[in-house]
C-alpha atoms as a PDB file:
ATOM      1  CA  MET A   1     -21.226 -55.197  15.883  1.00  0.00           C
ATOM      2  CA  PRO A   2     -19.842 -52.139  14.066  1.00  0.00           C
ATOM      3  CA  ILE A   3     -23.070 -51.976  12.063  1.00  0.00           C
ATOM      4  CA  VAL A   4     -25.258 -52.225  15.184  1.00  0.00           C
ATOM      5  CA  GLY A   5     -23.164 -49.505  16.846  1.00  0.00           C
ATOM      6  CA  TRP A   6     -23.361 -47.375  13.706  1.00  0.00           C
ATOM      7  CA  MET A   7     -27.161 -47.627  13.653  1.00  0.00           C
ATOM      8  CA  ALA A   8     -27.293 -46.508  17.292  1.00  0.00           C
ATOM      9  CA  GLY A   9     -24.839 -43.680  16.577  1.00  0.00           C
ATOM     10  CA  GLU A  10     -26.792 -42.535  13.503  1.00  0.00           C
ATOM     11  CA  TYR A  11     -29.975 -42.377  15.549  1.00  0.00           C
ATOM     12  CA  LEU A  12     -28.344 -40.597  18.464  1.00  0.00           C
ATOM     13  CA  SER A  13     -26.614 -38.170  16.109  1.00  0.00           C
ATOM     14  CA  GLY A  14     -30.007 -37.023  14.867  1.00  0.00           C
ATOM     15  CA  VAL A  15     -31.235 -36.621  18.433  1.00  0.00           C
ATOM     16  CA  ILE A  16     -28.295 -34.656  19.866  1.00  0.00           C
ATOM     17  CA  GLY A  17     -27.265 -32.834  16.679  1.00  0.00           C
ATOM     18  CA  GLU A  18     -24.107 -30.758  16.916  1.00  0.00           C
ATOM     19  CA  TYR A  19     -23.032 -32.383  20.183  1.00  0.00           C
ATOM     20  CA  ALA A  20     -22.566 -35.742  18.409  1.00  0.00           C
ATOM     21  CA  ARG A  21     -18.994 -34.871  17.457  1.00  0.00           C
ATOM     22  CA  TRP A  22     -18.140 -34.139  21.087  1.00  0.00           C
ATOM     23  CA  LEU A  23     -19.737 -37.357  22.278  1.00  0.00           C
ATOM     24  CA  ALA A  24     -17.788 -39.329  19.664  1.00  0.00           C
ATOM     25  CA  ALA A  25     -14.553 -37.683  20.818  1.00  0.00           C
ATOM     26  CA  ILE A  26     -15.345 -38.480  24.458  1.00  0.00           C
ATOM     27  CA  VAL A  27     -15.995 -42.146  23.593  1.00  0.00           C
ATOM     28  CA  LEU A  28     -12.716 -42.426  21.651  1.00  0.00           C
ATOM     29  CA  ALA A  29     -10.679 -40.604  24.291  1.00  0.00           C
ATOM     30  CA  GLY A  30     -12.246 -42.694  27.053  1.00  0.00           C
ATOM     31  CA  ILE A  31     -11.415 -45.975  25.337  1.00  0.00           C
ATOM     32  CA  GLY A  32      -7.876 -44.737  24.617  1.00  0.00           C
ATOM     33  CA  ALA A  33      -7.313 -43.574  28.186  1.00  0.00           C
ATOM     34  CA  ARG A  34      -8.641 -46.871  29.543  1.00  0.00           C
ATOM     35  CA  LEU A  35      -6.312 -48.817  27.245  1.00  0.00           C
ATOM     36  CA  ILE A  36      -3.296 -46.834  28.461  1.00  0.00           C
ATOM     37  CA  TYR A  37      -4.394 -47.150  32.100  1.00  0.00           C
ATOM     38  CA  GLU A  38      -4.726 -50.929  31.793  1.00  0.00           C
ATOM     39  CA  GLN A  39      -1.139 -51.231  30.530  1.00  0.00           C
ATOM     40  CA  PHE A  40       0.219 -50.174  33.903  1.00  0.00           C
ATOM     41  CA  ASP A  41      -2.038 -52.509  35.936  1.00  0.00           C
ATOM     42  CA  PRO A  42      -1.812 -50.383  39.106  1.00  0.00           C
ATOM     43  CA  ASP A  43      -3.664 -52.860  41.329  1.00  0.00           C
ATOM     44  CA  GLY A  44      -1.578 -55.838  40.264  1.00  0.00           C
ATOM     45  CA  ARG A  45      -4.669 -57.537  38.842  1.00  0.00           C
ATOM     46  CA  GLN A  46      -3.468 -59.534  35.884  1.00  0.00           C
ATOM     47  CA  TRP A  47      -5.887 -61.849  34.120  1.00  0.00           C
ATOM     48  CA  LYS A  48      -4.597 -65.419  34.262  1.00  0.00           C
ATOM     49  CA  GLY A  49      -7.303 -67.171  32.197  1.00  0.00           C
ATOM     50  CA  ASP A  50      -6.808 -69.233  29.050  1.00  0.00           C
ATOM     51  CA  PRO A  51      -8.379 -67.159  26.259  1.00  0.00           C
ATOM     52  CA  THR A  52      -8.797 -70.189  23.997  1.00  0.00           C
ATOM     53  CA  ARG A  53     -11.190 -72.221  26.172  1.00  0.00           C
ATOM     54  CA  GLY A  54     -14.623 -72.097  27.735  1.00  0.00           C
ATOM     55  CA  LEU A  55     -15.982 -69.055  29.501  1.00  0.00           C
ATOM     56  CA  SER A  56     -12.766 -67.079  28.928  1.00  0.00           C
ATOM     57  CA  LEU A  57     -13.276 -67.385  25.174  1.00  0.00           C
ATOM     58  CA  ILE A  58     -16.901 -66.230  25.440  1.00  0.00           C
ATOM     59  CA  ILE A  59     -15.946 -63.230  27.592  1.00  0.00           C
ATOM     60  CA  LEU A  60     -13.105 -62.298  25.222  1.00  0.00           C
ATOM     61  CA  MET A  61     -15.467 -62.598  22.257  1.00  0.00           C
ATOM     62  CA  PHE A  62     -17.930 -60.139  23.815  1.00  0.00           C
ATOM     63  CA  ALA A  63     -15.167 -57.768  24.936  1.00  0.00           C
ATOM     64  CA  THR A  64     -13.857 -57.600  21.374  1.00  0.00           C
ATOM     65  CA  SER A  65     -17.376 -57.123  20.039  1.00  0.00           C
ATOM     66  CA  ILE A  66     -18.010 -54.257  22.448  1.00  0.00           C
ATOM     67  CA  ASP A  67     -14.962 -52.468  21.034  1.00  0.00           C
ATOM     68  CA  ALA A  68     -16.355 -52.928  17.512  1.00  0.00           C
ATOM     69  CA  LEU A  69     -19.742 -51.702  18.746  1.00  0.00           C
ATOM     70  CA  ALA A  70     -18.105 -48.567  20.180  1.00  0.00           C
ATOM     71  CA  ALA A  71     -16.221 -47.975  16.927  1.00  0.00           C
ATOM     72  CA  GLY A  72     -19.434 -48.276  14.905  1.00  0.00           C
ATOM     73  CA  PHE A  73     -21.239 -46.018  17.370  1.00  0.00           C
ATOM     74  CA  THR A  74     -18.569 -43.352  16.946  1.00  0.00           C
ATOM     75  CA  LEU A  75     -18.742 -43.603  13.144  1.00  0.00           C
ATOM     76  CA  GLY A  76     -22.511 -43.200  13.297  1.00  0.00           C
ATOM     77  CA  LEU A  77     -22.231 -40.137  15.515  1.00  0.00           C
ATOM     78  CA  VAL A  78     -19.982 -38.338  13.049  1.00  0.00           C
ATOM     79  CA  GLY A  79     -22.064 -39.395  10.035  1.00  0.00           C
ATOM     80  CA  ILE A  80     -19.621 -41.664   8.225  1.00  0.00           C
ATOM     81  CA  GLN A  81     -21.038 -44.408   5.984  1.00  0.00           C
ATOM     82  CA  ILE A  82     -20.510 -47.876   7.474  1.00  0.00           C
ATOM     83  CA  LEU A  83     -19.867 -50.375   4.645  1.00  0.00           C
ATOM     84  CA  TYR A  84     -16.223 -49.558   3.917  1.00  0.00           C
ATOM     85  CA  PRO A  85     -15.167 -49.203   7.593  1.00  0.00           C
ATOM     86  CA  THR A  86     -16.909 -52.493   8.434  1.00  0.00           C
ATOM     87  CA  LEU A  87     -15.033 -54.284   5.661  1.00  0.00           C
ATOM     88  CA  ILE A  88     -11.751 -52.785   6.866  1.00  0.00           C
ATOM     89  CA  ILE A  89     -12.533 -53.719  10.497  1.00  0.00           C
ATOM     90  CA  GLY A  90     -13.310 -57.294   9.410  1.00  0.00           C
ATOM     91  CA  VAL A  91     -10.181 -57.719   7.292  1.00  0.00           C
ATOM     92  CA  VAL A  92      -7.916 -56.182   9.935  1.00  0.00           C
ATOM     93  CA  ALA A  93      -9.505 -58.217  12.749  1.00  0.00           C
ATOM     94  CA  ALA A  94      -9.127 -61.464  10.789  1.00  0.00           C
ATOM     95  CA  SER A  95      -5.524 -60.633   9.843  1.00  0.00           C
ATOM     96  CA  MET A  96      -4.583 -59.684  13.386  1.00  0.00           C
ATOM     97  CA  THR A  97      -6.189 -62.870  14.686  1.00  0.00           C
ATOM     98  CA  VAL A  98      -4.056 -64.986  12.357  1.00  0.00           C
ATOM     99  CA  LEU A  99      -0.917 -62.996  13.206  1.00  0.00           C
ATOM    100  CA  GLY A 100      -1.748 -63.199  16.904  1.00  0.00           C
ATOM    101  CA  LEU A 101      -2.068 -66.958  16.703  1.00  0.00           C
ATOM    102  CA  VAL A 102       1.233 -67.271  14.860  1.00  0.00           C
ATOM    103  CA  PHE A 103       3.366 -64.680  16.666  1.00  0.00           C
ATOM    104  CA  GLY A 104       1.338 -63.883  19.794  1.00  0.00           C
ATOM    105  CA  ARG A 105       3.449 -65.334  22.545  1.00  0.00           C
ATOM    106  CA  ALA A 106       6.801 -64.004  21.340  1.00  0.00           C
ATOM    107  CA  LEU A 107       5.557 -60.524  20.446  1.00  0.00           C
ATOM    108  CA  GLY A 108       3.192 -60.296  23.423  1.00  0.00           C
ATOM    109  CA  LEU A 109       5.975 -60.858  25.912  1.00  0.00           C
ATOM    110  CA  ARG A 110       8.138 -58.280  24.223  1.00  0.00           C
ATOM    111  CA  PHE A 111       5.762 -55.519  23.076  1.00  0.00           C
ATOM    112  CA  SER A 112       2.411 -55.881  24.844  1.00  0.00           C
ATOM    113  CA  GLN A 113       2.656 -52.824  27.103  1.00  0.00           C
ATOM    114  CA  LYS A 114       4.158 -50.583  24.412  1.00  0.00           C
ATOM    115  CA  ALA A 115       1.543 -51.690  21.870  1.00  0.00           C
ATOM    116  CA  GLY A 116      -1.272 -50.985  24.334  1.00  0.00           C
ATOM    117  CA  ILE A 117       0.047 -47.512  25.077  1.00  0.00           C
ATOM    118  CA  PHE A 118       0.520 -46.813  21.360  1.00  0.00           C
ATOM    119  CA  GLY A 119      -3.036 -47.969  20.606  1.00  0.00           C
ATOM    120  CA  GLY A 120      -4.419 -45.775  23.381  1.00  0.00           C
ATOM    121  CA  LEU A 121      -2.535 -42.754  22.055  1.00  0.00           C
ATOM    122  CA  ILE A 122      -3.896 -43.390  18.564  1.00  0.00           C
ATOM    123  CA  LEU A 123      -7.456 -43.437  19.919  1.00  0.00           C
ATOM    124  CA  ILE A 124      -6.882 -40.195  21.825  1.00  0.00           C
ATOM    125  CA  GLY A 125      -5.410 -38.669  18.648  1.00  0.00           C
ATOM    126  CA  LEU A 126      -8.528 -39.717  16.739  1.00  0.00           C
ATOM    127  CA  ALA A 127     -10.629 -38.045  19.445  1.00  0.00           C
ATOM    128  CA  VAL A 128      -8.716 -34.792  18.945  1.00  0.00           C
ATOM    129  CA  LYS A 129      -9.117 -35.100  15.162  1.00  0.00           C
ATOM    130  CA  THR A 130     -12.855 -35.655  15.613  1.00  0.00           C
ATOM    131  CA  ILE A 131     -13.175 -32.448  17.615  1.00  0.00           C
ATOM    132  CA  LEU A 132     -11.090 -30.435  15.158  1.00  0.00           C
ATOM    133  CA  GLY A 133     -13.011 -31.801  12.159  1.00  0.00           C
END
């Protein structure tokens, strides 16, 4: 998915030129803001599904892939080569999956909201860095 997103971003970068950097920053900031917003769950809607079975697993798989697609899209917009970032995304995703399976319940109960906020702030920081060059 990062490679598909990168191809779309590369194409769009050529079409919109100098505005590509701004679009990349908007995508990153939007994802970061959404991640922070979701940590506070203002409507009390908490997903109660089992992420390891059936339709929940399929939906989670596509949701994760969409994030990778957005990351690749952003990299394509700013003109970064894709091989190294894709390898890093793959290694980190596999490692986090293993760690999540081993430590997920204990750490999730303790740090889930703080980790989500921290991740959102990192994405917003990357958006600012993208704008500043």
